PDB file of N, CA and C in Angstrom:
ATOM      1  N   UNK A   1       0.719  -1.242   0.075  1.00  0.00           N
ATOM      2  CA  UNK A   1      -0.045  -0.016  -0.052  1.00  0.00           C
ATOM      3  C   UNK A   1       0.864   1.336  -0.028  1.00  0.00           C
ATOM      4  N   UNK A   2       0.525   2.311  -0.711  1.00  0.00           N
ATOM      5  CA  UNK A   2       1.229   3.511  -0.845  1.00  0.00           C
ATOM      6  C   UNK A   2       0.222   4.700  -0.220  1.00  0.00           C
ATOM      7  N   UNK A   3       0.793   5.591   0.441  1.00  0.00           N
ATOM      8  CA  UNK A   3      -0.033   6.835   0.785  1.00  0.00           C
ATOM      9  C   UNK A   3      -0.073   7.869  -0.344  1.00  0.00           C
ATOM     10  N   UNK A   4      -1.200   8.298  -0.844  1.00  0.00           N
ATOM     11  CA  UNK A   4      -1.266   9.166  -1.790  1.00  0.00           C
ATOM     12  C   UNK A   4      -2.075  10.547  -1.342  1.00  0.00           C
ATOM     13  N   UNK A   5      -1.441  11.716  -1.864  1.00  0.00           N
ATOM     14  CA  UNK A   5      -2.144  12.901  -1.502  1.00  0.00           C
ATOM     15  C   UNK A   5      -2.312  13.605  -2.975  1.00  0.00           C
ATOM     16  N   UNK A   6      -3.580  14.023  -3.434  1.00  0.00           N
ATOM     17  CA  UNK A   6      -3.855  14.449  -4.462  1.00  0.00           C
ATOM     18  C   UNK A   6      -4.728  15.769  -4.108  1.00  0.00           C
ATOM     19  N   UNK A   7      -4.282  16.720  -5.053  1.00  0.00           N
ATOM     20  CA  UNK A   7      -4.671  18.252  -4.720  1.00  0.00           C
ATOM     21  C   UNK A   7      -5.523  18.411  -5.876  1.00  0.00           C
ATOM     22  N   UNK A   8      -6.714  19.052  -5.866  1.00  0.00           N
ATOM     23  CA  UNK A   8      -7.658  19.352  -6.922  1.00  0.00           C
ATOM     24  C   UNK A   8      -8.208  20.758  -6.749  1.00  0.00           C
ATOM     25  N   UNK A   9      -8.479  21.416  -7.846  1.00  0.00           N
ATOM     26  CA  UNK A   9      -8.964  22.875  -7.642  1.00  0.00           C
ATOM     27  C   UNK A   9     -10.419  22.846  -7.167  1.00  0.00           C
ATOM     28  N   UNK A  10     -10.815  23.604  -6.510  1.00  0.00           N
ATOM     29  CA  UNK A  10     -12.129  23.808  -5.916  1.00  0.00           C
ATOM     30  C   UNK A  10     -12.433  23.108  -4.603  1.00  0.00           C
ATOM     31  N   UNK A  11     -13.800  22.931  -4.280  1.00  0.00           N
ATOM     32  CA  UNK A  11     -14.216  22.459  -3.003  1.00  0.00           C
ATOM     33  C   UNK A  11     -15.088  21.258  -3.326  1.00  0.00           C
ATOM     34  N   UNK A  12     -14.338  20.048  -2.889  1.00  0.00           N
ATOM     35  CA  UNK A  12     -15.258  18.743  -3.065  1.00  0.00           C
ATOM     36  C   UNK A  12     -15.956  18.495  -2.014  1.00  0.00           C
ATOM     37  N   UNK A  13     -16.997  18.111  -1.851  1.00  0.00           N
ATOM     38  CA  UNK A  13     -17.967  17.899  -0.743  1.00  0.00           C
ATOM     39  C   UNK A  13     -17.342  16.603  -0.048  1.00  0.00           C
ATOM     40  N   UNK A  14     -17.389  16.431   1.244  1.00  0.00           N
ATOM     41  CA  UNK A  14     -16.930  15.224   1.893  1.00  0.00           C
ATOM     42  C   UNK A  14     -17.882  14.068   1.638  1.00  0.00           C
ATOM     43  N   UNK A  15     -19.040  14.266   1.304  1.00  0.00           N
ATOM     44  CA  UNK A  15     -19.819  13.031   0.769  1.00  0.00           C
ATOM     45  C   UNK A  15     -19.213  12.243  -0.216  1.00  0.00           C
ATOM     46  N   UNK A  16     -18.119  12.601  -1.033  1.00  0.00           N
ATOM     47  CA  UNK A  16     -17.643  11.727  -1.945  1.00  0.00           C
ATOM     48  C   UNK A  16     -16.699  10.939  -1.351  1.00  0.00           C
ATOM     49  N   UNK A  17     -16.262  10.986  -0.080  1.00  0.00           N
ATOM     50  CA  UNK A  17     -15.155  10.234   0.437  1.00  0.00           C
ATOM     51  C   UNK A  17     -15.412   8.688   0.227  1.00  0.00           C
ATOM     52  N   UNK A  18     -16.501   8.199   0.470  1.00  0.00           N
ATOM     53  CA  UNK A  18     -16.548   6.804   0.349  1.00  0.00           C
ATOM     54  C   UNK A  18     -16.645   6.390  -1.002  1.00  0.00           C
ATOM     55  N   UNK A  19     -17.031   7.041  -1.823  1.00  0.00           N
ATOM     56  CA  UNK A  19     -17.191   6.607  -3.422  1.00  0.00           C
ATOM     57  C   UNK A  19     -15.629   6.715  -3.856  1.00  0.00           C
ATOM     58  N   UNK A  20     -14.838   7.582  -3.307  1.00  0.00           N
ATOM     59  CA  UNK A  20     -13.449   7.636  -3.680  1.00  0.00           C
ATOM     60  C   UNK A  20     -12.639   6.731  -2.791  1.00  0.00           C
ATOM     61  N   UNK A  21     -13.155   5.656  -2.390  1.00  0.00           N
ATOM     62  CA  UNK A  21     -12.313   4.681  -1.528  1.00  0.00           C
ATOM     63  C   UNK A  21     -11.925   5.104  -0.408  1.00  0.00           C
ATOM     64  N   UNK A  22     -12.725   5.811   0.466  1.00  0.00           N
ATOM     65  CA  UNK A  22     -12.590   6.305   1.795  1.00  0.00           C
ATOM     66  C   UNK A  22     -11.270   7.061   2.039  1.00  0.00           C
ATOM     67  N   UNK A  23     -10.992   7.969   0.944  1.00  0.00           N
ATOM     68  CA  UNK A  23     -10.132   8.900   1.065  1.00  0.00           C
ATOM     69  C   UNK A  23     -10.418  10.133   2.087  1.00  0.00           C
ATOM     70  N   UNK A  24      -9.620  10.748   2.749  1.00  0.00           N
ATOM     71  CA  UNK A  24     -10.002  11.738   3.620  1.00  0.00           C
ATOM     72  C   UNK A  24      -9.897  13.068   2.786  1.00  0.00           C
ATOM     73  N   UNK A  25     -10.888  13.842   2.995  1.00  0.00           N
ATOM     74  CA  UNK A  25     -10.987  15.147   2.201  1.00  0.00           C
ATOM     75  C   UNK A  25     -10.882  16.401   3.062  1.00  0.00           C
ATOM     76  N   UNK A  26      -9.880  17.170   2.784  1.00  0.00           N
ATOM     77  CA  UNK A  26      -9.897  18.470   3.599  1.00  0.00           C
ATOM     78  C   UNK A  26      -9.694  19.687   2.508  1.00  0.00           C
ATOM     79  N   UNK A  27     -10.095  20.808   3.040  1.00  0.00           N
ATOM     80  CA  UNK A  27      -9.981  22.048   2.199  1.00  0.00           C
ATOM     81  C   UNK A  27      -8.977  23.023   2.673  1.00  0.00           C
ATOM     82  N   UNK A  28      -8.399  23.644   1.564  1.00  0.00           N
ATOM     83  CA  UNK A  28      -7.419  24.632   2.063  1.00  0.00           C
ATOM     84  C   UNK A  28      -8.135  25.944   1.864  1.00  0.00           C
ATOM     85  N   UNK A  29      -7.591  27.123   2.290  1.00  0.00           N
ATOM     86  CA  UNK A  29      -7.931  28.385   2.271  1.00  0.00           C
ATOM     87  C   UNK A  29      -7.857  28.991   0.644  1.00  0.00           C
ATOM     88  N   UNK A  30      -6.999  28.152  -0.198  1.00  0.00           N
ATOM     89  CA  UNK A  30      -6.723  28.484  -1.491  1.00  0.00           C
ATOM     90  C   UNK A  30      -7.588  27.924  -2.516  1.00  0.00           C
ATOM     91  N   UNK A  31      -8.761  27.662  -2.296  1.00  0.00           N
ATOM     92  CA  UNK A  31      -9.640  27.104  -3.219  1.00  0.00           C
ATOM     93  C   UNK A  31      -9.212  25.662  -3.755  1.00  0.00           C
ATOM     94  N   UNK A  32      -8.844  24.844  -2.886  1.00  0.00           N
ATOM     95  CA  UNK A  32      -8.317  23.658  -3.235  1.00  0.00           C
ATOM     96  C   UNK A  32      -8.853  22.575  -2.196  1.00  0.00           C
ATOM     97  N   UNK A  33      -8.805  21.385  -2.689  1.00  0.00           N
ATOM     98  CA  UNK A  33      -9.331  20.171  -1.759  1.00  0.00           C
ATOM     99  C   UNK A  33      -8.107  19.107  -1.927  1.00  0.00           C
ATOM    100  N   UNK A  34      -7.690  18.675  -0.677  1.00  0.00           N
ATOM    101  CA  UNK A  34      -6.752  17.629  -0.459  1.00  0.00           C
ATOM    102  C   UNK A  34      -7.264  16.509  -0.214  1.00  0.00           C
ATOM    103  N   UNK A  35      -7.057  15.155  -1.024  1.00  0.00           N
ATOM    104  CA  UNK A  35      -7.549  13.986  -0.703  1.00  0.00           C
ATOM    105  C   UNK A  35      -6.249  13.171  -0.307  1.00  0.00           C
ATOM    106  N   UNK A  36      -6.517  12.433   0.811  1.00  0.00           N
ATOM    107  CA  UNK A  36      -5.250  11.577   1.298  1.00  0.00           C
ATOM    108  C   UNK A  36      -5.802  10.291   1.722  1.00  0.00           C
ATOM    109  N   UNK A  37      -5.174   9.222   1.334  1.00  0.00           N
ATOM    110  CA  UNK A  37      -5.409   7.873   1.558  1.00  0.00           C
ATOM    111  C   UNK A  37      -4.567   6.777   1.036  1.00  0.00           C
ATOM    112  N   UNK A  38      -4.808   5.639   1.039  1.00  0.00           N
ATOM    113  CA  UNK A  38      -4.013   4.440   0.731  1.00  0.00           C
ATOM    114  C   UNK A  38      -4.504   3.960  -0.710  1.00  0.00           C
ATOM    115  N   UNK A  39      -3.513   3.529  -1.545  1.00  0.00           N
ATOM    116  CA  UNK A  39      -3.840   2.761  -2.791  1.00  0.00           C
ATOM    117  C   UNK A  39      -3.040   1.511  -2.678  1.00  0.00           C
ATOM    118  N   UNK A  40      -3.426   0.458  -3.118  1.00  0.00           N
ATOM    119  CA  UNK A  40      -2.857  -0.809  -3.276  1.00  0.00           C
ATOM    120  C   UNK A  40      -1.790  -1.028  -4.267  1.00  0.00           C
ATOM    121  N   UNK A  41      -2.134  -0.287  -5.336  1.00  0.00           N
ATOM    122  CA  UNK A  41      -1.090  -0.366  -6.485  1.00  0.00           C
ATOM    123  C   UNK A  41      -1.404   0.802  -7.501  1.00  0.00           C
ATOM    124  N   UNK A  42      -0.620   0.625  -8.539  1.00  0.00           N
ATOM    125  CA  UNK A  42      -0.845   1.802  -9.702  1.00  0.00           C
ATOM    126  C   UNK A  42      -2.214   1.690 -10.328  1.00  0.00           C
ATOM    127  N   UNK A  43      -2.846   0.514 -10.531  1.00  0.00           N
ATOM    128  CA  UNK A  43      -4.073   0.280 -11.075  1.00  0.00           C
ATOM    129  C   UNK A  43      -5.049   1.200 -10.278  1.00  0.00           C
ATOM    130  N   UNK A  44      -4.988   0.823  -8.902  1.00  0.00           N
ATOM    131  CA  UNK A  44      -5.854   1.568  -8.090  1.00  0.00           C
ATOM    132  C   UNK A  44      -5.997   2.923  -8.236  1.00  0.00           C
ATOM    133  N   UNK A  45      -4.750   3.602  -8.192  1.00  0.00           N
ATOM    134  CA  UNK A  45      -4.407   4.953  -8.354  1.00  0.00           C
ATOM    135  C   UNK A  45      -4.922   5.484  -9.556  1.00  0.00           C
ATOM    136  N   UNK A  46      -4.637   4.875 -10.733  1.00  0.00           N
ATOM    137  CA  UNK A  46      -5.447   5.227 -12.046  1.00  0.00           C
ATOM    138  C   UNK A  46      -6.822   5.197 -11.839  1.00  0.00           C
ATOM    139  N   UNK A  47      -7.655   4.391 -11.184  1.00  0.00           N
ATOM    140  CA  UNK A  47      -8.967   4.142 -11.109  1.00  0.00           C
ATOM    141  C   UNK A  47      -9.343   5.313 -10.320  1.00  0.00           C
ATOM    142  N   UNK A  48      -8.722   5.855  -9.344  1.00  0.00           N
ATOM    143  CA  UNK A  48      -8.993   7.018  -8.571  1.00  0.00           C
ATOM    144  C   UNK A  48      -9.105   8.331  -9.287  1.00  0.00           C
ATOM    145  N   UNK A  49      -7.985   8.447 -10.134  1.00  0.00           N
ATOM    146  CA  UNK A  49      -7.711   9.679 -10.979  1.00  0.00           C
ATOM    147  C   UNK A  49      -8.784   9.625 -11.934  1.00  0.00           C
ATOM    148  N   UNK A  50      -9.353   8.428 -12.569  1.00  0.00           N
ATOM    149  CA  UNK A  50     -10.394   8.325 -13.454  1.00  0.00           C
ATOM    150  C   UNK A  50     -11.776   8.764 -12.766  1.00  0.00           C
ATOM    151  N   UNK A  51     -12.002   8.424 -11.487  1.00  0.00           N
ATOM    152  CA  UNK A  51     -13.107   8.943 -10.908  1.00  0.00           C
ATOM    153  C   UNK A  51     -13.024  10.305 -10.603  1.00  0.00           C
ATOM    154  N   UNK A  52     -11.944  11.039 -10.392  1.00  0.00           N
ATOM    155  CA  UNK A  52     -11.841  12.573 -10.543  1.00  0.00           C
ATOM    156  C   UNK A  52     -12.226  13.131 -11.807  1.00  0.00           C
ATOM    157  N   UNK A  53     -11.640  12.522 -12.796  1.00  0.00           N
ATOM    158  CA  UNK A  53     -11.831  13.019 -14.148  1.00  0.00           C
ATOM    159  C   UNK A  53     -13.317  13.117 -14.408  1.00  0.00           C
ATOM    160  N   UNK A  54     -14.033  11.825 -14.006  1.00  0.00           N
ATOM    161  CA  UNK A  54     -15.472  11.871 -14.357  1.00  0.00           C
ATOM    162  C   UNK A  54     -16.368  12.860 -13.629  1.00  0.00           C
ATOM    163  N   UNK A  55     -15.816  13.272 -12.365  1.00  0.00           N
ATOM    164  CA  UNK A  55     -16.415  14.303 -11.578  1.00  0.00           C
ATOM    165  C   UNK A  55     -16.214  15.707 -12.319  1.00  0.00           C
ATOM    166  N   UNK A  56     -15.197  15.622 -13.245  1.00  0.00           N
ATOM    167  CA  UNK A  56     -15.058  17.173 -13.919  1.00  0.00           C
ATOM    168  C   UNK A  56     -14.181  18.068 -13.090  1.00  0.00           C
ATOM    169  N   UNK A  57     -13.195  17.501 -12.328  1.00  0.00           N
ATOM    170  CA  UNK A  57     -12.461  18.230 -11.443  1.00  0.00           C
ATOM    171  C   UNK A  57     -11.035  18.543 -11.947  1.00  0.00           C
ATOM    172  N   UNK A  58     -10.491  19.621 -11.559  1.00  0.00           N
ATOM    173  CA  UNK A  58      -9.133  19.961 -12.201  1.00  0.00           C
ATOM    174  C   UNK A  58      -8.084  19.338 -11.202  1.00  0.00           C
ATOM    175  N   UNK A  59      -7.298  18.489 -11.791  1.00  0.00           N
ATOM    176  CA  UNK A  59      -6.144  17.860 -11.070  1.00  0.00           C
ATOM    177  C   UNK A  59      -5.009  18.933 -11.074  1.00  0.00           C
ATOM    178  N   UNK A  60      -4.511  19.190  -9.698  1.00  0.00           N
ATOM    179  CA  UNK A  60      -3.405  20.193  -9.561  1.00  0.00           C
ATOM    180  C   UNK A  60      -2.061  19.184  -9.317  1.00  0.00           C
ATOM    181  N   UNK A  61      -2.158  18.323  -8.421  1.00  0.00           N
ATOM    182  CA  UNK A  61      -0.955  17.488  -8.082  1.00  0.00           C
ATOM    183  C   UNK A  61      -1.369  16.211  -7.626  1.00  0.00           C
ATOM    184  N   UNK A  62      -0.295  15.253  -7.673  1.00  0.00           N
ATOM    185  CA  UNK A  62      -0.527  13.947  -7.056  1.00  0.00           C
ATOM    186  C   UNK A  62       0.969  13.755  -6.327  1.00  0.00           C
ATOM    187  N   UNK A  63       1.073  13.374  -5.048  1.00  0.00           N
ATOM    188  CA  UNK A  63       2.111  12.807  -4.386  1.00  0.00           C
ATOM    189  C   UNK A  63       1.873  11.549  -3.981  1.00  0.00           C
ATOM    190  N   UNK A  64       2.946  10.565  -4.160  1.00  0.00           N
ATOM    191  CA  UNK A  64       3.039   9.200  -3.855  1.00  0.00           C
ATOM    192  C   UNK A  64       4.075   8.979  -2.730  1.00  0.00           C
ATOM    193  N   UNK A  65       3.594   8.518  -1.784  1.00  0.00           N
ATOM    194  CA  UNK A  65       4.752   8.286  -0.599  1.00  0.00           C
ATOM    195  C   UNK A  65       5.329   6.805  -0.796  1.00  0.00           C
ATOM    196  N   UNK A  66       6.204   6.487   0.271  1.00  0.00           N
ATOM    197  CA  UNK A  66       6.772   5.278   0.224  1.00  0.00           C
ATOM    198  C   UNK A  66       5.914   4.028   0.383  1.00  0.00           C
ATOM    199  N   UNK A  67       6.269   2.956  -0.093  1.00  0.00           N
ATOM    200  CA  UNK A  67       5.347   1.717   0.219  1.00  0.00           C
ATOM    201  C   UNK A  67       5.364   1.417   1.817  1.00  0.00           C
ATOM    202  N   UNK A  68       4.266   1.115   2.146  1.00  0.00           N
ATOM    203  CA  UNK A  68       4.171   0.553   3.461  1.00  0.00           C
ATOM    204  C   UNK A  68       4.438  -0.759   3.680  1.00  0.00           C
ATOM    205  N   UNK A  69       5.248  -1.051   4.707  1.00  0.00           N
ATOM    206  CA  UNK A  69       5.565  -2.332   5.016  1.00  0.00           C
ATOM    207  C   UNK A  69       4.706  -3.193   5.943  1.00  0.00           C
TER     208      UNK A  69
END
């Protein structure tokens, strides 16, 4: 599993957390939403990014942490 942080433009409602695989959702004061959570592999990450695309949000950044042991 890898820790992932995704920044998107705008404010995404917290109700999307479950649909996005239980990712935590928090908002910044700069009109951004930060999603954090774990993905099991790259395919899961691409699936999450595809869901965000389907919502029509603008992706700002994706950060992937070290693999958990």
